[in-house]
Amino acid sequence: MADWHPILNAIEVAAGEWWMPDPLGKPYAVVRLVEVRGERGYRVVTYALDSGDRSLIGYYGNLRAATMGANHWFVSSRAAPSKPNLGW
């Protein structure tokens, strides 16, 4: 399991754009190559059919970190809401 990384799940749908699918194949995030003030990086947003309904997950310096950020968001969004450390 140590060799697996979320980047292996990324599906390139267009040049510079990847969708991150859940276990059922439904996309949950969009990773896009962007250039901001002359610096290239990756912008990660939640997936929605209407791009106006997407929420920013974050900006990352490389594709590996971007897909990890998307996966972290996905996994944490599936957890039951609770207090940190069960309130201790």
PDB file of N, CA and C in Angstrom:
ATOM      1  N   MET A   1       0.814  -1.194   0.000  1.00  0.00           N
ATOM      2  CA  MET A   1       0.000   0.000   0.000  1.00  0.00           C
ATOM      3  C   MET A   1       0.857   1.258   0.000  1.00  0.00           C
ATOM      4  N   ALA A   2       2.097   1.144   0.421  1.00  0.00           N
ATOM      5  CA  ALA A   2       2.961   2.316   0.495  1.00  0.00           C
ATOM      6  C   ALA A   2       3.261   2.912  -0.878  1.00  0.00           C
ATOM      7  N   ASP A   3       3.115   2.134  -1.937  1.00  0.00           N
ATOM      8  CA  ASP A   3       3.409   2.621  -3.281  1.00  0.00           C
ATOM      9  C   ASP A   3       2.250   3.366  -3.924  1.00  0.00           C
ATOM     10  N   TRP A   4       1.062   3.298  -3.327  1.00  0.00           N
ATOM     11  CA  TRP A   4      -0.098   3.959  -3.916  1.00  0.00           C
ATOM     12  C   TRP A   4      -0.081   5.445  -3.560  1.00  0.00           C
ATOM     13  N   HIS A   5      -0.517   6.279  -4.500  1.00  0.00           N
ATOM     14  CA  HIS A   5      -0.645   7.715  -4.280  1.00  0.00           C
ATOM     15  C   HIS A   5      -1.869   8.189  -5.057  1.00  0.00           C
ATOM     16  N   PRO A   6      -2.606   9.199  -4.570  1.00  0.00           N
ATOM     17  CA  PRO A   6      -3.786   9.680  -5.282  1.00  0.00           C
ATOM     18  C   PRO A   6      -3.529  10.082  -6.730  1.00  0.00           C
ATOM     19  N   ILE A   7      -2.309  10.439  -7.067  1.00  0.00           N
ATOM     20  CA  ILE A   7      -2.010  10.825  -8.450  1.00  0.00           C
ATOM     21  C   ILE A   7      -2.304   9.668  -9.415  1.00  0.00           C
ATOM     22  N   LEU A   8      -2.260   8.442  -8.907  1.00  0.00           N
ATOM     23  CA  LEU A   8      -2.550   7.279  -9.739  1.00  0.00           C
ATOM     24  C   LEU A   8      -4.027   7.216 -10.129  1.00  0.00           C
ATOM     25  N   ASN A   9      -4.891   7.878  -9.375  1.00  0.00           N
ATOM     26  CA  ASN A   9      -6.325   7.912  -9.687  1.00  0.00           C
ATOM     27  C   ASN A   9      -6.682   9.033 -10.645  1.00  0.00           C
ATOM     28  N   ALA A  10      -5.839  10.026 -10.782  1.00  0.00           N
ATOM     29  CA  ALA A  10      -6.154  11.204 -11.595  1.00  0.00           C
ATOM     30  C   ALA A  10      -6.399  10.817 -13.050  1.00  0.00           C
ATOM     31  N   ILE A  11      -7.482  11.329 -13.602  1.00  0.00           N
ATOM     32  CA  ILE A  11      -7.839  11.081 -15.001  1.00  0.00           C
ATOM     33  C   ILE A  11      -7.674  12.393 -15.759  1.00  0.00           C
ATOM     34  N   GLU A  12      -6.762  12.416 -16.723  1.00  0.00           N
ATOM     35  CA  GLU A  12      -6.550  13.638 -17.507  1.00  0.00           C
ATOM     36  C   GLU A  12      -7.641  13.717 -18.571  1.00  0.00           C
ATOM     37  N   VAL A  13      -8.538  14.714 -18.422  1.00  0.00           N
ATOM     38  CA  VAL A  13      -9.665  14.866 -19.340  1.00  0.00           C
ATOM     39  C   VAL A  13      -9.353  15.852 -20.454  1.00  0.00           C
ATOM     40  N   ALA A  14      -8.366  16.693 -20.245  1.00  0.00           N
ATOM     41  CA  ALA A  14      -7.894  17.655 -21.236  1.00  0.00           C
ATOM     42  C   ALA A  14      -6.465  18.014 -20.842  1.00  0.00           C
ATOM     43  N   ALA A  15      -5.751  18.632 -21.753  1.00  0.00           N
ATOM     44  CA  ALA A  15      -4.376  19.029 -21.432  1.00  0.00           C
ATOM     45  C   ALA A  15      -4.384  19.981 -20.241  1.00  0.00           C
ATOM     46  N   GLY A  16      -3.729  19.605 -19.153  1.00  0.00           N
ATOM     47  CA  GLY A  16      -3.652  20.453 -17.968  1.00  0.00           C
ATOM     48  C   GLY A  16      -4.858  20.380 -17.055  1.00  0.00           C
ATOM     49  N   GLU A  17      -5.745  19.400 -17.244  1.00  0.00           N
ATOM     50  CA  GLU A  17      -6.919  19.254 -16.364  1.00  0.00           C
ATOM     51  C   GLU A  17      -7.139  17.785 -16.032  1.00  0.00           C
ATOM     52  N   TRP A  18      -7.259  17.508 -14.721  1.00  0.00           N
ATOM     53  CA  TRP A  18      -7.461  16.157 -14.237  1.00  0.00           C
ATOM     54  C   TRP A  18      -8.699  16.119 -13.356  1.00  0.00           C
ATOM     55  N   TRP A  19      -9.444  15.026 -13.429  1.00  0.00           N
ATOM     56  CA  TRP A  19     -10.565  14.785 -12.523  1.00  0.00           C
ATOM     57  C   TRP A  19     -10.152  13.690 -11.563  1.00  0.00           C
ATOM     58  N   MET A  20     -10.559  13.847 -10.317  1.00  0.00           N
ATOM     59  CA  MET A  20     -10.283  12.852  -9.292  1.00  0.00           C
ATOM     60  C   MET A  20     -11.579  12.076  -9.023  1.00  0.00           C
ATOM     61  N   PRO A  21     -11.616  10.777  -9.355  1.00  0.00           N
ATOM     62  CA  PRO A  21     -12.834  10.001  -9.164  1.00  0.00           C
ATOM     63  C   PRO A  21     -12.890   9.304  -7.803  1.00  0.00           C
ATOM     64  N   ASP A  22     -14.119   9.163  -7.290  1.00  0.00           N
ATOM     65  CA  ASP A  22     -14.309   8.386  -6.065  1.00  0.00           C
ATOM     66  C   ASP A  22     -14.302   6.895  -6.429  1.00  0.00           C
ATOM     67  N   PRO A  23     -14.456   5.990  -5.461  1.00  0.00           N
ATOM     68  CA  PRO A  23     -14.406   4.554  -5.776  1.00  0.00           C
ATOM     69  C   PRO A  23     -15.469   4.092  -6.775  1.00  0.00           C
ATOM     70  N   LEU A  24     -16.553   4.849  -6.924  1.00  0.00           N
ATOM     71  CA  LEU A  24     -17.595   4.485  -7.882  1.00  0.00           C
ATOM     72  C   LEU A  24     -17.385   5.139  -9.240  1.00  0.00           C
ATOM     73  N   GLY A  25     -16.316   5.924  -9.384  1.00  0.00           N
ATOM     74  CA  GLY A  25     -15.999   6.558 -10.654  1.00  0.00           C
ATOM     75  C   GLY A  25     -16.560   7.952 -10.835  1.00  0.00           C
ATOM     76  N   LYS A  26     -17.285   8.463  -9.837  1.00  0.00           N
ATOM     77  CA  LYS A  26     -17.850   9.816  -9.919  1.00  0.00           C
ATOM     78  C   LYS A  26     -16.784  10.832  -9.503  1.00  0.00           C
ATOM     79  N   PRO A  27     -16.549  11.873 -10.313  1.00  0.00           N
ATOM     80  CA  PRO A  27     -15.522  12.856  -9.945  1.00  0.00           C
ATOM     81  C   PRO A  27     -15.899  13.632  -8.679  1.00  0.00           C
ATOM     82  N   TYR A  28     -14.918  13.877  -7.834  1.00  0.00           N
ATOM     83  CA  TYR A  28     -15.148  14.684  -6.640  1.00  0.00           C
ATOM     84  C   TYR A  28     -14.305  15.956  -6.635  1.00  0.00           C
ATOM     85  N   ALA A  29     -13.280  16.030  -7.479  1.00  0.00           N
ATOM     86  CA  ALA A  29     -12.436  17.223  -7.529  1.00  0.00           C
ATOM     87  C   ALA A  29     -11.869  17.406  -8.937  1.00  0.00           C
ATOM     88  N   VAL A  30     -11.533  18.652  -9.239  1.00  0.00           N
ATOM     89  CA  VAL A  30     -10.911  19.010 -10.512  1.00  0.00           C
ATOM     90  C   VAL A  30      -9.569  19.664 -10.205  1.00  0.00           C
ATOM     91  N   VAL A  31      -8.517  19.167 -10.815  1.00  0.00           N
ATOM     92  CA  VAL A  31      -7.172  19.732 -10.674  1.00  0.00           C
ATOM     93  C   VAL A  31      -6.815  20.360 -12.012  1.00  0.00           C
ATOM     94  N   ARG A  32      -6.447  21.634 -11.978  1.00  0.00           N
ATOM     95  CA  ARG A  32      -6.148  22.331 -13.235  1.00  0.00           C
ATOM     96  C   ARG A  32      -4.807  23.054 -13.119  1.00  0.00           C
ATOM     97  N   LEU A  33      -3.995  22.927 -14.173  1.00  0.00           N
ATOM     98  CA  LEU A  33      -2.736  23.659 -14.271  1.00  0.00           C
ATOM     99  C   LEU A  33      -3.060  25.128 -14.530  1.00  0.00           C
ATOM    100  N   VAL A  34      -2.514  26.021 -13.716  1.00  0.00           N
ATOM    101  CA  VAL A  34      -2.778  27.453 -13.868  1.00  0.00           C
ATOM    102  C   VAL A  34      -1.470  28.233 -13.807  1.00  0.00           C
ATOM    103  N   GLU A  35      -1.532  29.470 -14.270  1.00  0.00           N
ATOM    104  CA  GLU A  35      -0.398  30.376 -14.141  1.00  0.00           C
ATOM    105  C   GLU A  35      -0.897  31.638 -13.452  1.00  0.00           C
ATOM    106  N   VAL A  36      -0.273  31.966 -12.324  1.00  0.00           N
ATOM    107  CA  VAL A  36      -0.644  33.144 -11.544  1.00  0.00           C
ATOM    108  C   VAL A  36       0.596  33.999 -11.355  1.00  0.00           C
ATOM    109  N   ARG A  37       0.558  35.213 -11.861  1.00  0.00           N
ATOM    110  CA  ARG A  37       1.681  36.157 -11.752  1.00  0.00           C
ATOM    111  C   ARG A  37       2.992  35.540 -12.228  1.00  0.00           C
ATOM    112  N   GLY A  38       2.936  34.824 -13.324  1.00  0.00           N
ATOM    113  CA  GLY A  38       4.134  34.238 -13.903  1.00  0.00           C
ATOM    114  C   GLY A  38       4.580  32.926 -13.288  1.00  0.00           C
ATOM    115  N   GLU A  39       3.902  32.457 -12.245  1.00  0.00           N
ATOM    116  CA  GLU A  39       4.255  31.184 -11.617  1.00  0.00           C
ATOM    117  C   GLU A  39       3.214  30.142 -11.975  1.00  0.00           C
ATOM    118  N   ARG A  40       3.682  28.955 -12.338  1.00  0.00           N
ATOM    119  CA  ARG A  40       2.772  27.867 -12.660  1.00  0.00           C
ATOM    120  C   ARG A  40       2.548  26.995 -11.445  1.00  0.00           C
ATOM    121  N   GLY A  41       1.327  26.531 -11.333  1.00  0.00           N
ATOM    122  CA  GLY A  41       0.957  25.656 -10.229  1.00  0.00           C
ATOM    123  C   GLY A  41      -0.366  24.986 -10.551  1.00  0.00           C
ATOM    124  N   TYR A  42      -1.010  24.449  -9.531  1.00  0.00           N
ATOM    125  CA  TYR A  42      -2.242  23.699  -9.711  1.00  0.00           C
ATOM    126  C   TYR A  42      -3.320  24.224  -8.775  1.00  0.00           C
ATOM    127  N   ARG A  43      -4.504  24.412  -9.342  1.00  0.00           N
ATOM    128  CA  ARG A  43      -5.674  24.864  -8.583  1.00  0.00           C
ATOM    129  C   ARG A  43      -6.603  23.674  -8.451  1.00  0.00           C
ATOM    130  N   VAL A  44      -7.050  23.397  -7.230  1.00  0.00           N
ATOM    131  CA  VAL A  44      -7.930  22.263  -6.974  1.00  0.00           C
ATOM    132  C   VAL A  44      -9.266  22.784  -6.463  1.00  0.00           C
ATOM    133  N   VAL A  45     -10.342  22.341  -7.106  1.00  0.00           N
ATOM    134  CA  VAL A  45     -11.698  22.719  -6.696  1.00  0.00           C
ATOM    135  C   VAL A  45     -12.549  21.462  -6.599  1.00  0.00           C
ATOM    136  N   THR A  46     -13.656  21.569  -5.860  1.00  0.00           N
ATOM    137  CA  THR A  46     -14.603  20.461  -5.809  1.00  0.00           C
ATOM    138  C   THR A  46     -15.269  20.329  -7.165  1.00  0.00           C
ATOM    139  N   TYR A  47     -15.711  19.139  -7.497  1.00  0.00           N
ATOM    140  CA  TYR A  47     -16.361  18.910  -8.781  1.00  0.00           C
ATOM    141  C   TYR A  47     -17.846  19.266  -8.692  1.00  0.00           C
ATOM    142  N   ALA A  48     -18.348  19.928  -9.705  1.00  0.00           N
ATOM    143  CA  ALA A  48     -19.771  20.191  -9.900  1.00  0.00           C
ATOM    144  C   ALA A  48     -19.971  20.394 -11.390  1.00  0.00           C
ATOM    145  N   LEU A  49     -21.114  19.982 -11.905  1.00  0.00           N
ATOM    146  CA  LEU A  49     -21.382  20.166 -13.333  1.00  0.00           C
ATOM    147  C   LEU A  49     -21.302  21.634 -13.719  1.00  0.00           C
ATOM    148  N   ASP A  50     -21.895  22.496 -12.885  1.00  0.00           N
ATOM    149  CA  ASP A  50     -21.840  23.941 -13.120  1.00  0.00           C
ATOM    150  C   ASP A  50     -20.603  24.482 -12.411  1.00  0.00           C
ATOM    151  N   SER A  51     -19.690  25.052 -13.162  1.00  0.00           N
ATOM    152  CA  SER A  51     -18.433  25.523 -12.557  1.00  0.00           C
ATOM    153  C   SER A  51     -18.657  26.603 -11.505  1.00  0.00           C
ATOM    154  N   GLY A  52     -19.806  27.275 -11.525  1.00  0.00           N
ATOM    155  CA  GLY A  52     -20.120  28.274 -10.512  1.00  0.00           C
ATOM    156  C   GLY A  52     -20.426  27.672  -9.151  1.00  0.00           C
ATOM    157  N   ASP A  53     -20.707  26.373  -9.110  1.00  0.00           N
ATOM    158  CA  ASP A  53     -21.018  25.691  -7.852  1.00  0.00           C
ATOM    159  C   ASP A  53     -19.800  25.015  -7.231  1.00  0.00           C
ATOM    160  N   ARG A  54     -18.633  25.209  -7.819  1.00  0.00           N
ATOM    161  CA  ARG A  54     -17.422  24.580  -7.296  1.00  0.00           C
ATOM    162  C   ARG A  54     -16.830  25.412  -6.166  1.00  0.00           C
ATOM    163  N   SER A  55     -16.181  24.727  -5.219  1.00  0.00           N
ATOM    164  CA  SER A  55     -15.536  25.398  -4.080  1.00  0.00           C
ATOM    165  C   SER A  55     -14.032  25.150  -4.146  1.00  0.00           C
ATOM    166  N   LEU A  56     -13.273  26.166  -3.789  1.00  0.00           N
ATOM    167  CA  LEU A  56     -11.817  26.056  -3.807  1.00  0.00           C
ATOM    168  C   LEU A  56     -11.328  25.133  -2.700  1.00  0.00           C
ATOM    169  N   ILE A  57     -10.481  24.187  -3.063  1.00  0.00           N
ATOM    170  CA  ILE A  57      -9.806  23.334  -2.083  1.00  0.00           C
ATOM    171  C   ILE A  57      -8.427  23.915  -1.789  1.00  0.00           C
ATOM    172  N   GLY A  58      -7.704  24.361  -2.838  1.00  0.00           N
ATOM    173  CA  GLY A  58      -6.411  24.989  -2.597  1.00  0.00           C
ATOM    174  C   GLY A  58      -5.560  25.108  -3.844  1.00  0.00           C
ATOM    175  N   TYR A  59      -4.417  25.777  -3.678  1.00  0.00           N
ATOM    176  CA  TYR A  59      -3.407  25.927  -4.730  1.00  0.00           C
ATOM    177  C   TYR A  59      -2.170  25.150  -4.303  1.00  0.00           C
ATOM    178  N   TYR A  60      -1.518  24.501  -5.260  1.00  0.00           N
ATOM    179  CA  TYR A  60      -0.379  23.648  -4.958  1.00  0.00           C
ATOM    180  C   TYR A  60       0.723  23.864  -5.981  1.00  0.00           C
ATOM    181  N   GLY A  61       1.948  23.579  -5.586  1.00  0.00           N
ATOM    182  CA  GLY A  61       3.096  23.803  -6.453  1.00  0.00           C
ATOM    183  C   GLY A  61       3.386  22.679  -7.429  1.00  0.00           C
ATOM    184  N   ASN A  62       2.846  21.492  -7.166  1.00  0.00           N
ATOM    185  CA  ASN A  62       3.075  20.375  -8.091  1.00  0.00           C
ATOM    186  C   ASN A  62       1.856  19.458  -8.112  1.00  0.00           C
ATOM    187  N   LEU A  63       1.775  18.640  -9.145  1.00  0.00           N
ATOM    188  CA  LEU A  63       0.615  17.777  -9.344  1.00  0.00           C
ATOM    189  C   LEU A  63       0.479  16.750  -8.230  1.00  0.00           C
ATOM    190  N   ARG A  64       1.594  16.255  -7.749  1.00  0.00           N
ATOM    191  CA  ARG A  64       1.559  15.264  -6.662  1.00  0.00           C
ATOM    192  C   ARG A  64       0.891  15.848  -5.412  1.00  0.00           C
ATOM    193  N   ALA A  65       1.271  17.050  -5.030  1.00  0.00           N
ATOM    194  CA  ALA A  65       0.674  17.697  -3.860  1.00  0.00           C
ATOM    195  C   ALA A  65      -0.792  18.051  -4.120  1.00  0.00           C
ATOM    196  N   ALA A  66      -1.120  18.455  -5.345  1.00  0.00           N
ATOM    197  CA  ALA A  66      -2.498  18.824  -5.680  1.00  0.00           C
ATOM    198  C   ALA A  66      -3.441  17.631  -5.567  1.00  0.00           C
ATOM    199  N   THR A  67      -3.011  16.480  -6.088  1.00  0.00           N
ATOM    200  CA  THR A  67      -3.875  15.302  -5.995  1.00  0.00           C
ATOM    201  C   THR A  67      -3.973  14.811  -4.554  1.00  0.00           C
ATOM    202  N   MET A  68      -2.911  14.964  -3.782  1.00  0.00           N
ATOM    203  CA  MET A  68      -2.951  14.603  -2.366  1.00  0.00           C
ATOM    204  C   MET A  68      -3.912  15.522  -1.614  1.00  0.00           C
ATOM    205  N   GLY A  69      -3.887  16.817  -1.924  1.00  0.00           N
ATOM    206  CA  GLY A  69      -4.808  17.763  -1.297  1.00  0.00           C
ATOM    207  C   GLY A  69      -6.251  17.441  -1.628  1.00  0.00           C
ATOM    208  N   ALA A  70      -6.516  17.088  -2.882  1.00  0.00           N
ATOM    209  CA  ALA A  70      -7.875  16.715  -3.288  1.00  0.00           C
ATOM    210  C   ALA A  70      -8.329  15.466  -2.540  1.00  0.00           C
ATOM    211  N   ASN A  71      -7.446  14.465  -2.458  1.00  0.00           N
ATOM    212  CA  ASN A  71      -7.786  13.225  -1.768  1.00  0.00           C
ATOM    213  C   ASN A  71      -8.010  13.480  -0.278  1.00  0.00           C
ATOM    214  N   HIS A  72      -7.176  14.295   0.333  1.00  0.00           N
ATOM    215  CA  HIS A  72      -7.341  14.615   1.750  1.00  0.00           C
ATOM    216  C   HIS A  72      -8.695  15.282   1.988  1.00  0.00           C
ATOM    217  N   TRP A  73      -9.066  16.223   1.114  1.00  0.00           N
ATOM    218  CA  TRP A  73     -10.372  16.871   1.234  1.00  0.00           C
ATOM    219  C   TRP A  73     -11.491  15.827   1.135  1.00  0.00           C
ATOM    220  N   PHE A  74     -11.394  14.927   0.146  1.00  0.00           N
ATOM    221  CA  PHE A  74     -12.424  13.911  -0.058  1.00  0.00           C
ATOM    222  C   PHE A  74     -12.581  13.025   1.164  1.00  0.00           C
ATOM    223  N   VAL A  75     -11.474  12.502   1.678  1.00  0.00           N
ATOM    224  CA  VAL A  75     -11.523  11.601   2.828  1.00  0.00           C
ATOM    225  C   VAL A  75     -12.065  12.327   4.058  1.00  0.00           C
ATOM    226  N   SER A  76     -11.590  13.541   4.310  1.00  0.00           N
ATOM    227  CA  SER A  76     -12.046  14.271   5.500  1.00  0.00           C
ATOM    228  C   SER A  76     -13.502  14.706   5.372  1.00  0.00           C
ATOM    229  N   SER A  77     -13.990  14.904   4.156  1.00  0.00           N
ATOM    230  CA  SER A  77     -15.389  15.299   3.987  1.00  0.00           C
ATOM    231  C   SER A  77     -16.335  14.129   4.228  1.00  0.00           C
ATOM    232  N   ARG A  78     -15.827  12.915   4.262  1.00  0.00           N
ATOM    233  CA  ARG A  78     -16.647  11.724   4.489  1.00  0.00           C
ATOM    234  C   ARG A  78     -16.697  11.327   5.963  1.00  0.00           C
ATOM    235  N   ALA A  79     -15.880  11.937   6.784  1.00  0.00           N
ATOM    236  CA  ALA A  79     -15.845  11.590   8.207  1.00  0.00           C
ATOM    237  C   ALA A  79     -17.053  12.184   8.925  1.00  0.00           C
ATOM    238  N   ALA A  80     -17.484  11.496   9.955  1.00  0.00           N
ATOM    239  CA  ALA A  80     -18.588  12.002  10.769  1.00  0.00           C
ATOM    240  C   ALA A  80     -18.115  13.236  11.529  1.00  0.00           C
ATOM    241  N   PRO A  81     -18.935  14.298  11.565  1.00  0.00           N
ATOM    242  CA  PRO A  81     -18.517  15.488  12.301  1.00  0.00           C
ATOM    243  C   PRO A  81     -18.388  15.179  13.793  1.00  0.00           C
ATOM    244  N   SER A  82     -17.277  15.582  14.358  1.00  0.00           N
ATOM    245  CA  SER A  82     -17.054  15.361  15.785  1.00  0.00           C
ATOM    246  C   SER A  82     -16.012  16.345  16.272  1.00  0.00           C
ATOM    247  N   LYS A  83     -15.911  16.446  17.574  1.00  0.00           N
ATOM    248  CA  LYS A  83     -14.897  17.319  18.156  1.00  0.00           C
ATOM    249  C   LYS A  83     -13.529  16.633  18.030  1.00  0.00           C
ATOM    250  N   PRO A  84     -12.471  17.415  17.864  1.00  0.00           N
ATOM    251  CA  PRO A  84     -11.135  16.793  17.823  1.00  0.00           C
ATOM    252  C   PRO A  84     -10.867  16.002  19.100  1.00  0.00           C
ATOM    253  N   ASN A  85     -10.280  14.848  18.956  1.00  0.00           N
ATOM    254  CA  ASN A  85      -9.925  13.977  20.089  1.00  0.00           C
ATOM    255  C   ASN A  85     -11.137  13.647  20.953  1.00  0.00           C
ATOM    256  N   LEU A  86     -12.299  13.552  20.323  1.00  0.00           N
ATOM    257  CA  LEU A  86     -13.537  13.218  21.013  1.00  0.00           C
ATOM    258  C   LEU A  86     -13.845  14.169  22.159  1.00  0.00           C
ATOM    259  N   GLY A  87     -13.384  15.420  22.038  1.00  0.00           N
ATOM    260  CA  GLY A  87     -13.687  16.423  23.044  1.00  0.00           C
ATOM    261  C   GLY A  87     -12.774  16.389  24.252  1.00  0.00           C
ATOM    262  N   TRP A  88     -11.739  15.575  24.249  1.00  0.00           N
ATOM    263  CA  TRP A  88     -10.845  15.501  25.410  1.00  0.00           C
ATOM    264  C   TRP A  88      -9.929  16.660  25.440  1.00  0.00           C
TER     265      TRP A  88
END
